[in-house]
Structures are given as C-alpha cells and as structure tokens.
C-alpha cells in the first residue's frame, strides 16, 4: 500500500449555504481533502466515499478484504448516525471494488450489515482505489432526526 494519510485537524467553519448542513464525526475518518464526510439537504444525507481507514488511526493498515469491508461499513454507519439517520434508512449505495472477483465476499458482508433492508445499489469495478485499498462505498440515506 502507499504511504498512509497524515492526520487532518478538525476544521470549524461557518456554512457556505444555510440550506446544506455539513456532517462531521470523529467516529469516521476526517476528510483529507476539499470535501465533507457528508452533507444533509432536503431530508437526505449524501455520504462521501468511505475507504477502510480507521478513525483516529489513519496510519493503521487493514490488509484483509473482509476487515476492509467491515471498516468501510463501520465508517458509513458512524456518519449515518451523526447525520440523524441509520442503515435502515439508506436509499442507495455505490460500491467500488478493485477486483470484481472479490464481489461474493463483499456482497456477503454487505448483506450481513443491512440484513433484510435492501437499498438500491450499484457495483463499480475499478482498476485500483486510493492507497491500494480493495473497497470503497458512498451512500444516500433519508434523515430521520436533526
């Protein structure tokens, strides 16, 4: 894998658009670029792509695919909670996989996470993901509390 991401300081800034609320939680990796972990608008939360980065331990490498998928889902879950939502309110997930041959294992763990809930989903095979990771996910969910 490539060099680990350096830790980013927590940024406090006034909202640019009062109709859009940025979501940030230290229970998921903080943004390492010019983006938000998620934004809420119109009763929906849009979660940025989550890699299997361990919160507050960005240098910790997760090598096994199963552990990577579980960490990505844990990161999504933390952001969903911070946004006033939950996995049962997820509407759409995009799953990026570096090797489509890994799809059966990714799908098994994904199914365990969501249980009987079946959000819309797209699978995007890619050549490679940032830092050499094997999986990344983004999501859109309904917000149920402020």
N, C-alpha and C. Protein backbone atom coordinates (compact mmCIF):
# COMPACT_ATOMS: atom_id res chain seq x y z
N UNK A 1 0.83 -1.18 0.00
CA UNK A 1 0.00 0.00 0.00
C UNK A 1 0.87 1.24 0.00
N UNK A 2 0.31 2.32 -0.43
CA UNK A 2 1.02 3.60 -0.45
C UNK A 2 1.15 4.14 0.96
N UNK A 3 1.84 5.24 1.08
CA UNK A 3 2.04 5.86 2.39
C UNK A 3 0.70 6.22 3.01
N UNK A 4 0.56 6.10 4.33
CA UNK A 4 -0.71 6.42 5.00
C UNK A 4 -0.99 7.91 4.93
N UNK A 5 -2.29 8.23 5.05
CA UNK A 5 -2.70 9.63 5.05
C UNK A 5 -2.28 10.30 6.34
N UNK A 6 -1.78 11.54 6.28
CA UNK A 6 -1.47 12.25 7.52
C UNK A 6 -2.77 12.67 8.20
N UNK A 7 -2.78 12.76 9.53
CA UNK A 7 -3.99 13.19 10.22
C UNK A 7 -4.32 14.64 9.86
N UNK A 8 -5.61 14.92 9.75
CA UNK A 8 -6.06 16.26 9.41
C UNK A 8 -6.68 16.88 10.66
N UNK A 9 -6.42 18.16 10.90
CA UNK A 9 -7.05 18.82 12.04
C UNK A 9 -8.55 18.99 11.79
N UNK A 10 -9.32 19.01 12.88
CA UNK A 10 -10.75 19.26 12.76
C UNK A 10 -10.94 20.71 12.35
N UNK A 11 -11.75 20.91 11.34
CA UNK A 11 -11.97 22.25 10.82
C UNK A 11 -13.34 22.76 11.26
N UNK A 12 -13.37 23.94 11.81
CA UNK A 12 -14.62 24.60 12.15
C UNK A 12 -14.77 25.77 11.19
N UNK A 13 -15.86 25.76 10.42
CA UNK A 13 -16.08 26.88 9.50
C UNK A 13 -17.58 27.12 9.38
N UNK A 14 -17.96 28.36 9.14
CA UNK A 14 -19.38 28.65 9.00
C UNK A 14 -19.92 28.03 7.72
N UNK A 15 -21.20 27.68 7.71
CA UNK A 15 -21.77 27.09 6.49
C UNK A 15 -21.74 28.09 5.34
N UNK A 16 -21.42 27.59 4.16
CA UNK A 16 -21.40 28.43 2.97
C UNK A 16 -22.83 28.62 2.47
N UNK A 17 -23.65 27.58 2.60
CA UNK A 17 -25.03 27.61 2.17
C UNK A 17 -25.89 27.15 3.34
N UNK A 18 -26.76 28.01 3.87
CA UNK A 18 -27.54 27.62 5.05
C UNK A 18 -28.53 26.48 4.78
N UNK A 19 -28.79 26.14 3.53
CA UNK A 19 -29.68 25.04 3.19
C UNK A 19 -28.97 23.68 3.22
N UNK A 20 -27.64 23.71 3.29
CA UNK A 20 -26.84 22.49 3.28
C UNK A 20 -26.06 22.43 4.59
N UNK A 21 -26.21 21.32 5.30
CA UNK A 21 -25.51 21.13 6.57
C UNK A 21 -24.41 20.10 6.37
N UNK A 22 -23.19 20.49 6.68
CA UNK A 22 -22.07 19.54 6.62
C UNK A 22 -22.11 18.66 7.87
N UNK A 23 -21.77 17.39 7.69
CA UNK A 23 -21.73 16.44 8.79
C UNK A 23 -20.28 16.03 9.01
N UNK A 24 -19.86 16.04 10.26
CA UNK A 24 -18.51 15.59 10.59
C UNK A 24 -18.52 14.89 11.93
N UNK A 25 -17.95 13.70 11.96
CA UNK A 25 -17.82 12.95 13.20
C UNK A 25 -16.42 12.37 13.28
N UNK A 26 -15.87 12.34 14.49
CA UNK A 26 -14.55 11.74 14.66
C UNK A 26 -14.63 10.22 14.74
N UNK A 27 -15.82 9.68 14.61
CA UNK A 27 -16.01 8.22 14.60
C UNK A 27 -15.84 7.63 13.20
N UNK A 28 -15.50 8.49 12.26
CA UNK A 28 -15.18 8.08 10.89
C UNK A 28 -13.97 8.92 10.47
N UNK A 29 -13.25 8.48 9.44
CA UNK A 29 -12.07 9.24 9.03
C UNK A 29 -12.44 10.67 8.63
N UNK A 30 -11.69 11.63 9.14
CA UNK A 30 -11.93 13.02 8.78
C UNK A 30 -11.46 13.25 7.34
N UNK A 31 -12.11 14.18 6.64
CA UNK A 31 -11.73 14.45 5.25
C UNK A 31 -10.26 14.83 5.12
N UNK A 32 -9.64 14.29 4.09
CA UNK A 32 -8.23 14.59 3.83
C UNK A 32 -8.10 15.47 2.59
N UNK A 33 -9.17 16.13 2.23
CA UNK A 33 -9.18 16.98 1.05
C UNK A 33 -10.31 17.99 1.16
N UNK A 34 -10.66 18.58 0.04
CA UNK A 34 -11.69 19.62 0.00
C UNK A 34 -13.07 18.99 -0.21
N UNK A 35 -13.59 18.36 0.83
CA UNK A 35 -14.91 17.73 0.80
C UNK A 35 -15.38 17.52 2.23
N UNK A 36 -16.65 17.17 2.38
CA UNK A 36 -17.24 16.85 3.68
C UNK A 36 -17.41 15.34 3.79
N UNK A 37 -17.43 14.84 5.02
CA UNK A 37 -17.77 13.42 5.20
C UNK A 37 -19.15 13.17 4.61
N UNK A 38 -20.04 14.11 4.84
CA UNK A 38 -21.40 14.01 4.31
C UNK A 38 -22.03 15.40 4.35
N UNK A 39 -23.08 15.57 3.59
CA UNK A 39 -23.89 16.78 3.64
C UNK A 39 -25.36 16.37 3.70
N UNK A 40 -26.14 17.20 4.40
CA UNK A 40 -27.58 16.97 4.52
C UNK A 40 -28.29 18.10 3.81
N UNK A 41 -29.26 17.72 2.99
CA UNK A 41 -30.09 18.70 2.29
C UNK A 41 -31.42 18.04 1.93
N UNK A 42 -32.49 18.74 2.15
CA UNK A 42 -33.80 18.25 1.74
C UNK A 42 -34.18 16.92 2.34
N UNK A 43 -33.78 16.66 3.57
CA UNK A 43 -34.15 15.42 4.24
C UNK A 43 -33.32 14.21 3.84
N UNK A 44 -32.24 14.45 3.08
CA UNK A 44 -31.36 13.36 2.66
C UNK A 44 -29.93 13.64 3.11
N UNK A 45 -29.19 12.59 3.39
CA UNK A 45 -27.77 12.72 3.68
C UNK A 45 -27.01 12.04 2.55
N UNK A 46 -26.02 12.74 2.03
CA UNK A 46 -25.16 12.26 0.95
C UNK A 46 -23.78 12.02 1.56
N UNK A 47 -23.39 10.75 1.65
CA UNK A 47 -22.13 10.40 2.30
C UNK A 47 -21.04 10.22 1.25
N UNK A 48 -19.94 10.90 1.46
CA UNK A 48 -18.78 10.77 0.56
C UNK A 48 -18.22 9.36 0.61
N UNK A 49 -17.47 9.01 -0.43
CA UNK A 49 -16.85 7.70 -0.50
C UNK A 49 -16.01 7.42 0.73
N UNK A 50 -16.24 6.26 1.33
CA UNK A 50 -15.51 5.86 2.53
C UNK A 50 -14.58 4.70 2.21
N UNK A 51 -13.33 4.91 2.55
CA UNK A 51 -12.30 3.87 2.43
C UNK A 51 -12.16 3.18 3.78
N UNK A 52 -11.49 2.05 3.84
CA UNK A 52 -11.31 1.35 5.12
C UNK A 52 -10.21 1.96 5.97
N UNK A 53 -10.38 3.23 6.29
CA UNK A 53 -9.44 3.95 7.14
C UNK A 53 -10.01 3.93 8.55
N UNK A 54 -9.18 3.58 9.51
CA UNK A 54 -9.61 3.51 10.91
C UNK A 54 -9.61 4.93 11.48
N UNK A 55 -10.75 5.39 12.03
CA UNK A 55 -10.79 6.73 12.60
C UNK A 55 -9.73 6.93 13.68
N UNK A 56 -9.14 8.09 13.68
CA UNK A 56 -8.11 8.48 14.65
C UNK A 56 -6.85 7.63 14.57
N UNK A 57 -6.78 6.74 13.58
CA UNK A 57 -5.59 5.90 13.37
C UNK A 57 -5.34 5.77 11.86
N UNK A 58 -5.18 6.89 11.16
CA UNK A 58 -5.09 6.82 9.71
C UNK A 58 -3.90 6.03 9.18
N UNK A 59 -2.89 5.79 10.00
CA UNK A 59 -1.73 5.02 9.55
C UNK A 59 -1.91 3.51 9.69
N UNK A 60 -2.98 3.09 10.37
CA UNK A 60 -3.20 1.65 10.57
C UNK A 60 -3.67 1.03 9.25
N UNK A 61 -2.93 0.04 8.78
CA UNK A 61 -3.29 -0.62 7.53
C UNK A 61 -4.15 -1.84 7.80
N UNK A 62 -5.21 -1.96 7.01
CA UNK A 62 -6.08 -3.13 7.07
C UNK A 62 -5.84 -3.87 5.76
N UNK A 63 -5.32 -5.07 5.84
CA UNK A 63 -4.92 -5.79 4.63
C UNK A 63 -5.97 -6.76 4.12
N UNK A 64 -6.70 -7.41 5.01
CA UNK A 64 -7.65 -8.43 4.60
C UNK A 64 -8.94 -7.79 4.06
N UNK A 65 -9.46 -8.35 2.97
CA UNK A 65 -10.67 -7.81 2.34
C UNK A 65 -11.83 -7.75 3.32
N UNK A 66 -12.09 -8.82 4.07
CA UNK A 66 -13.22 -8.82 4.99
C UNK A 66 -13.11 -7.67 5.99
N UNK A 67 -11.96 -7.46 6.56
CA UNK A 67 -11.75 -6.37 7.52
C UNK A 67 -11.93 -5.01 6.85
N UNK A 68 -11.49 -4.89 5.60
CA UNK A 68 -11.67 -3.63 4.88
C UNK A 68 -13.16 -3.32 4.69
N UNK A 69 -13.92 -4.31 4.26
CA UNK A 69 -15.36 -4.11 4.04
C UNK A 69 -16.04 -3.73 5.35
N UNK A 70 -15.71 -4.43 6.42
CA UNK A 70 -16.33 -4.14 7.72
C UNK A 70 -15.97 -2.73 8.20
N UNK A 71 -14.74 -2.29 7.95
CA UNK A 71 -14.35 -0.93 8.36
C UNK A 71 -15.08 0.12 7.54
N UNK A 72 -15.20 -0.10 6.25
CA UNK A 72 -15.95 0.84 5.40
C UNK A 72 -17.39 0.96 5.91
N UNK A 73 -18.03 -0.16 6.20
CA UNK A 73 -19.40 -0.15 6.69
C UNK A 73 -19.50 0.50 8.07
N UNK A 74 -18.50 0.31 8.92
CA UNK A 74 -18.48 0.98 10.23
C UNK A 74 -18.37 2.49 10.04
N UNK A 75 -17.54 2.92 9.09
CA UNK A 75 -17.41 4.35 8.82
C UNK A 75 -18.73 4.92 8.31
N UNK A 76 -19.38 4.22 7.37
CA UNK A 76 -20.69 4.67 6.88
C UNK A 76 -21.69 4.75 8.03
N UNK A 77 -21.71 3.74 8.87
CA UNK A 77 -22.66 3.70 9.98
C UNK A 77 -22.45 4.88 10.93
N UNK A 78 -21.20 5.20 11.23
CA UNK A 78 -20.91 6.33 12.12
C UNK A 78 -21.39 7.65 11.53
N UNK A 79 -21.20 7.82 10.24
CA UNK A 79 -21.64 9.06 9.59
C UNK A 79 -23.16 9.11 9.51
N UNK A 80 -23.79 7.97 9.22
CA UNK A 80 -25.26 7.93 9.22
C UNK A 80 -25.80 8.38 10.57
N UNK A 81 -25.25 7.85 11.65
CA UNK A 81 -25.72 8.23 12.99
C UNK A 81 -25.49 9.71 13.25
N UNK A 82 -24.33 10.23 12.88
CA UNK A 82 -24.02 11.65 13.08
C UNK A 82 -24.97 12.55 12.30
N UNK A 83 -25.49 12.04 11.19
CA UNK A 83 -26.39 12.82 10.34
C UNK A 83 -27.85 12.69 10.77
N UNK A 84 -28.14 11.83 11.76
CA UNK A 84 -29.52 11.63 12.19
C UNK A 84 -30.24 10.59 11.35
N UNK A 85 -29.51 9.60 10.89
CA UNK A 85 -30.07 8.54 10.06
C UNK A 85 -29.60 7.20 10.61
N UNK A 86 -29.74 6.16 9.80
CA UNK A 86 -29.29 4.83 10.19
C UNK A 86 -29.32 3.92 8.98
N UNK A 87 -28.72 2.76 9.12
CA UNK A 87 -28.62 1.85 7.98
C UNK A 87 -29.97 1.47 7.40
N UNK A 88 -31.00 1.44 8.23
CA UNK A 88 -32.33 1.07 7.75
C UNK A 88 -32.97 2.16 6.90
N UNK A 89 -32.33 3.33 6.83
CA UNK A 89 -32.85 4.45 6.04
C UNK A 89 -32.00 4.72 4.80
N UNK A 90 -31.03 3.87 4.53
CA UNK A 90 -30.18 4.04 3.35
C UNK A 90 -31.02 3.76 2.11
N UNK A 91 -30.92 4.67 1.15
CA UNK A 91 -31.68 4.57 -0.09
C UNK A 91 -30.84 3.99 -1.23
N UNK A 92 -29.55 4.36 -1.28
CA UNK A 92 -28.70 3.97 -2.40
C UNK A 92 -27.26 3.89 -1.93
N UNK A 93 -26.56 2.85 -2.37
CA UNK A 93 -25.14 2.66 -2.08
C UNK A 93 -24.41 2.41 -3.40
N UNK A 94 -23.27 3.02 -3.54
CA UNK A 94 -22.37 2.69 -4.65
C UNK A 94 -21.16 2.01 -4.03
N UNK A 95 -20.86 0.82 -4.53
CA UNK A 95 -19.73 0.02 -4.03
C UNK A 95 -18.68 -0.04 -5.12
N UNK A 96 -17.49 0.39 -4.80
CA UNK A 96 -16.35 0.34 -5.72
C UNK A 96 -15.44 -0.78 -5.27
N UNK A 97 -15.13 -1.71 -6.16
CA UNK A 97 -14.24 -2.82 -5.82
C UNK A 97 -13.07 -2.84 -6.80
N UNK A 98 -11.88 -3.04 -6.24
CA UNK A 98 -10.67 -3.06 -7.06
C UNK A 98 -10.57 -4.34 -7.88
N UNK A 99 -11.24 -5.39 -7.44
CA UNK A 99 -11.20 -6.67 -8.16
C UNK A 99 -12.60 -7.28 -8.09
N UNK A 100 -13.28 -7.36 -9.22
CA UNK A 100 -14.65 -7.86 -9.25
C UNK A 100 -14.72 -9.31 -8.75
N UNK A 101 -13.63 -10.02 -8.80
CA UNK A 101 -13.61 -11.40 -8.28
C UNK A 101 -13.87 -11.43 -6.78
N UNK A 102 -13.66 -10.31 -6.09
CA UNK A 102 -13.90 -10.25 -4.65
C UNK A 102 -15.37 -9.97 -4.33
N UNK A 103 -16.20 -9.77 -5.36
CA UNK A 103 -17.58 -9.38 -5.13
C UNK A 103 -18.35 -10.34 -4.23
N UNK A 104 -18.27 -11.66 -4.38
CA UNK A 104 -19.06 -12.53 -3.49
C UNK A 104 -18.80 -12.27 -2.00
N UNK A 105 -17.55 -12.08 -1.62
CA UNK A 105 -17.25 -11.82 -0.22
C UNK A 105 -17.76 -10.44 0.20
N UNK A 106 -17.57 -9.43 -0.64
CA UNK A 106 -18.06 -8.09 -0.33
C UNK A 106 -19.58 -8.13 -0.16
N UNK A 107 -20.27 -8.81 -1.07
CA UNK A 107 -21.72 -8.89 -1.04
C UNK A 107 -22.22 -9.62 0.22
N UNK A 108 -21.51 -10.65 0.65
CA UNK A 108 -21.89 -11.39 1.86
C UNK A 108 -21.85 -10.47 3.08
N UNK A 109 -20.76 -9.73 3.23
CA UNK A 109 -20.59 -8.85 4.39
C UNK A 109 -21.58 -7.68 4.32
N UNK A 110 -21.77 -7.15 3.13
CA UNK A 110 -22.75 -6.08 2.88
C UNK A 110 -24.14 -6.56 3.32
N UNK A 111 -24.51 -7.79 2.94
CA UNK A 111 -25.81 -8.35 3.31
C UNK A 111 -25.96 -8.52 4.81
N UNK A 112 -24.89 -8.92 5.48
CA UNK A 112 -24.92 -9.03 6.94
C UNK A 112 -25.18 -7.67 7.57
N UNK A 113 -24.54 -6.64 7.05
CA UNK A 113 -24.68 -5.29 7.58
C UNK A 113 -26.11 -4.77 7.43
N UNK A 114 -26.69 -4.93 6.26
CA UNK A 114 -28.02 -4.37 6.00
C UNK A 114 -29.16 -5.31 6.41
N UNK A 115 -28.90 -6.59 6.57
CA UNK A 115 -29.96 -7.51 6.97
C UNK A 115 -31.07 -7.52 5.94
N UNK A 116 -32.33 -7.48 6.40
CA UNK A 116 -33.45 -7.56 5.45
C UNK A 116 -33.64 -6.29 4.61
N UNK A 117 -33.03 -5.17 5.04
CA UNK A 117 -33.15 -3.92 4.27
C UNK A 117 -32.32 -4.04 2.99
N UNK A 118 -32.88 -3.66 1.86
CA UNK A 118 -32.21 -3.79 0.57
C UNK A 118 -32.21 -2.45 -0.17
N UNK A 119 -31.25 -1.58 0.13
CA UNK A 119 -31.20 -0.30 -0.60
C UNK A 119 -30.82 -0.54 -2.06
N UNK A 120 -31.15 0.43 -2.90
CA UNK A 120 -30.68 0.39 -4.28
C UNK A 120 -29.16 0.38 -4.24
N UNK A 121 -28.54 -0.23 -5.27
CA UNK A 121 -27.09 -0.38 -5.21
C UNK A 121 -26.50 -0.43 -6.60
N UNK A 122 -25.30 0.10 -6.73
CA UNK A 122 -24.52 -0.05 -7.96
C UNK A 122 -23.15 -0.59 -7.56
N UNK A 123 -22.63 -1.49 -8.38
CA UNK A 123 -21.30 -2.06 -8.17
C UNK A 123 -20.41 -1.51 -9.28
N UNK A 124 -19.30 -0.91 -8.91
CA UNK A 124 -18.39 -0.33 -9.89
C UNK A 124 -17.02 -1.00 -9.76
N UNK A 125 -16.69 -1.89 -10.70
CA UNK A 125 -15.34 -2.45 -10.66
C UNK A 125 -14.34 -1.39 -11.12
N UNK A 126 -13.26 -1.27 -10.40
CA UNK A 126 -12.22 -0.29 -10.74
C UNK A 126 -10.88 -1.01 -10.85
N UNK A 127 -9.95 -0.39 -11.47
CA UNK A 127 -8.61 -0.98 -11.53
C UNK A 127 -7.93 -0.91 -10.19
N UNK A 128 -7.98 0.26 -9.59
CA UNK A 128 -7.37 0.43 -8.27
C UNK A 128 -8.07 1.56 -7.55
N UNK A 129 -8.00 1.49 -6.23
CA UNK A 129 -8.56 2.52 -5.37
C UNK A 129 -7.43 3.22 -4.64
N UNK A 130 -7.75 4.38 -4.08
CA UNK A 130 -6.75 5.18 -3.39
C UNK A 130 -6.05 4.36 -2.30
N UNK A 131 -4.76 4.57 -2.15
CA UNK A 131 -3.93 3.91 -1.14
C UNK A 131 -3.87 2.39 -1.30
N UNK A 132 -4.30 1.88 -2.46
CA UNK A 132 -4.25 0.45 -2.69
C UNK A 132 -5.35 -0.35 -2.00
N UNK A 133 -6.37 0.33 -1.47
CA UNK A 133 -7.46 -0.38 -0.82
C UNK A 133 -8.27 -1.18 -1.83
N UNK A 134 -9.05 -2.13 -1.34
CA UNK A 134 -9.81 -3.02 -2.21
C UNK A 134 -11.28 -2.65 -2.33
N UNK A 135 -11.78 -1.77 -1.45
CA UNK A 135 -13.21 -1.43 -1.47
C UNK A 135 -13.43 0.00 -0.97
N UNK A 136 -14.45 0.64 -1.53
CA UNK A 136 -14.89 1.98 -1.13
C UNK A 136 -16.39 2.03 -1.34
N UNK A 137 -17.09 2.77 -0.49
CA UNK A 137 -18.54 2.92 -0.65
C UNK A 137 -18.96 4.35 -0.36
N UNK A 138 -19.98 4.81 -1.10
CA UNK A 138 -20.68 6.04 -0.76
C UNK A 138 -22.15 5.71 -0.64
N UNK A 139 -22.94 6.61 -0.07
CA UNK A 139 -24.34 6.28 0.17
C UNK A 139 -25.20 7.54 0.23
N UNK A 140 -26.49 7.33 0.02
CA UNK A 140 -27.52 8.35 0.19
C UNK A 140 -28.57 7.74 1.10
N UNK A 141 -29.00 8.50 2.11
CA UNK A 141 -29.98 7.99 3.06
C UNK A 141 -30.97 9.08 3.45
N UNK A 142 -32.13 8.66 3.93
CA UNK A 142 -33.11 9.59 4.49
C UNK A 142 -32.67 9.96 5.90
N UNK A 143 -32.87 11.21 6.25
CA UNK A 143 -32.56 11.70 7.60
C UNK A 143 -33.85 11.63 8.41
N UNK A 144 -33.77 11.04 9.60
CA UNK A 144 -34.96 10.86 10.41
C UNK A 144 -34.98 11.74 11.65
N UNK A 145 -33.85 12.36 11.99
CA UNK A 145 -33.81 13.28 13.13
C UNK A 145 -32.77 14.35 12.86
N UNK A 146 -32.91 15.47 13.55
CA UNK A 146 -32.00 16.60 13.33
C UNK A 146 -30.70 16.43 14.09
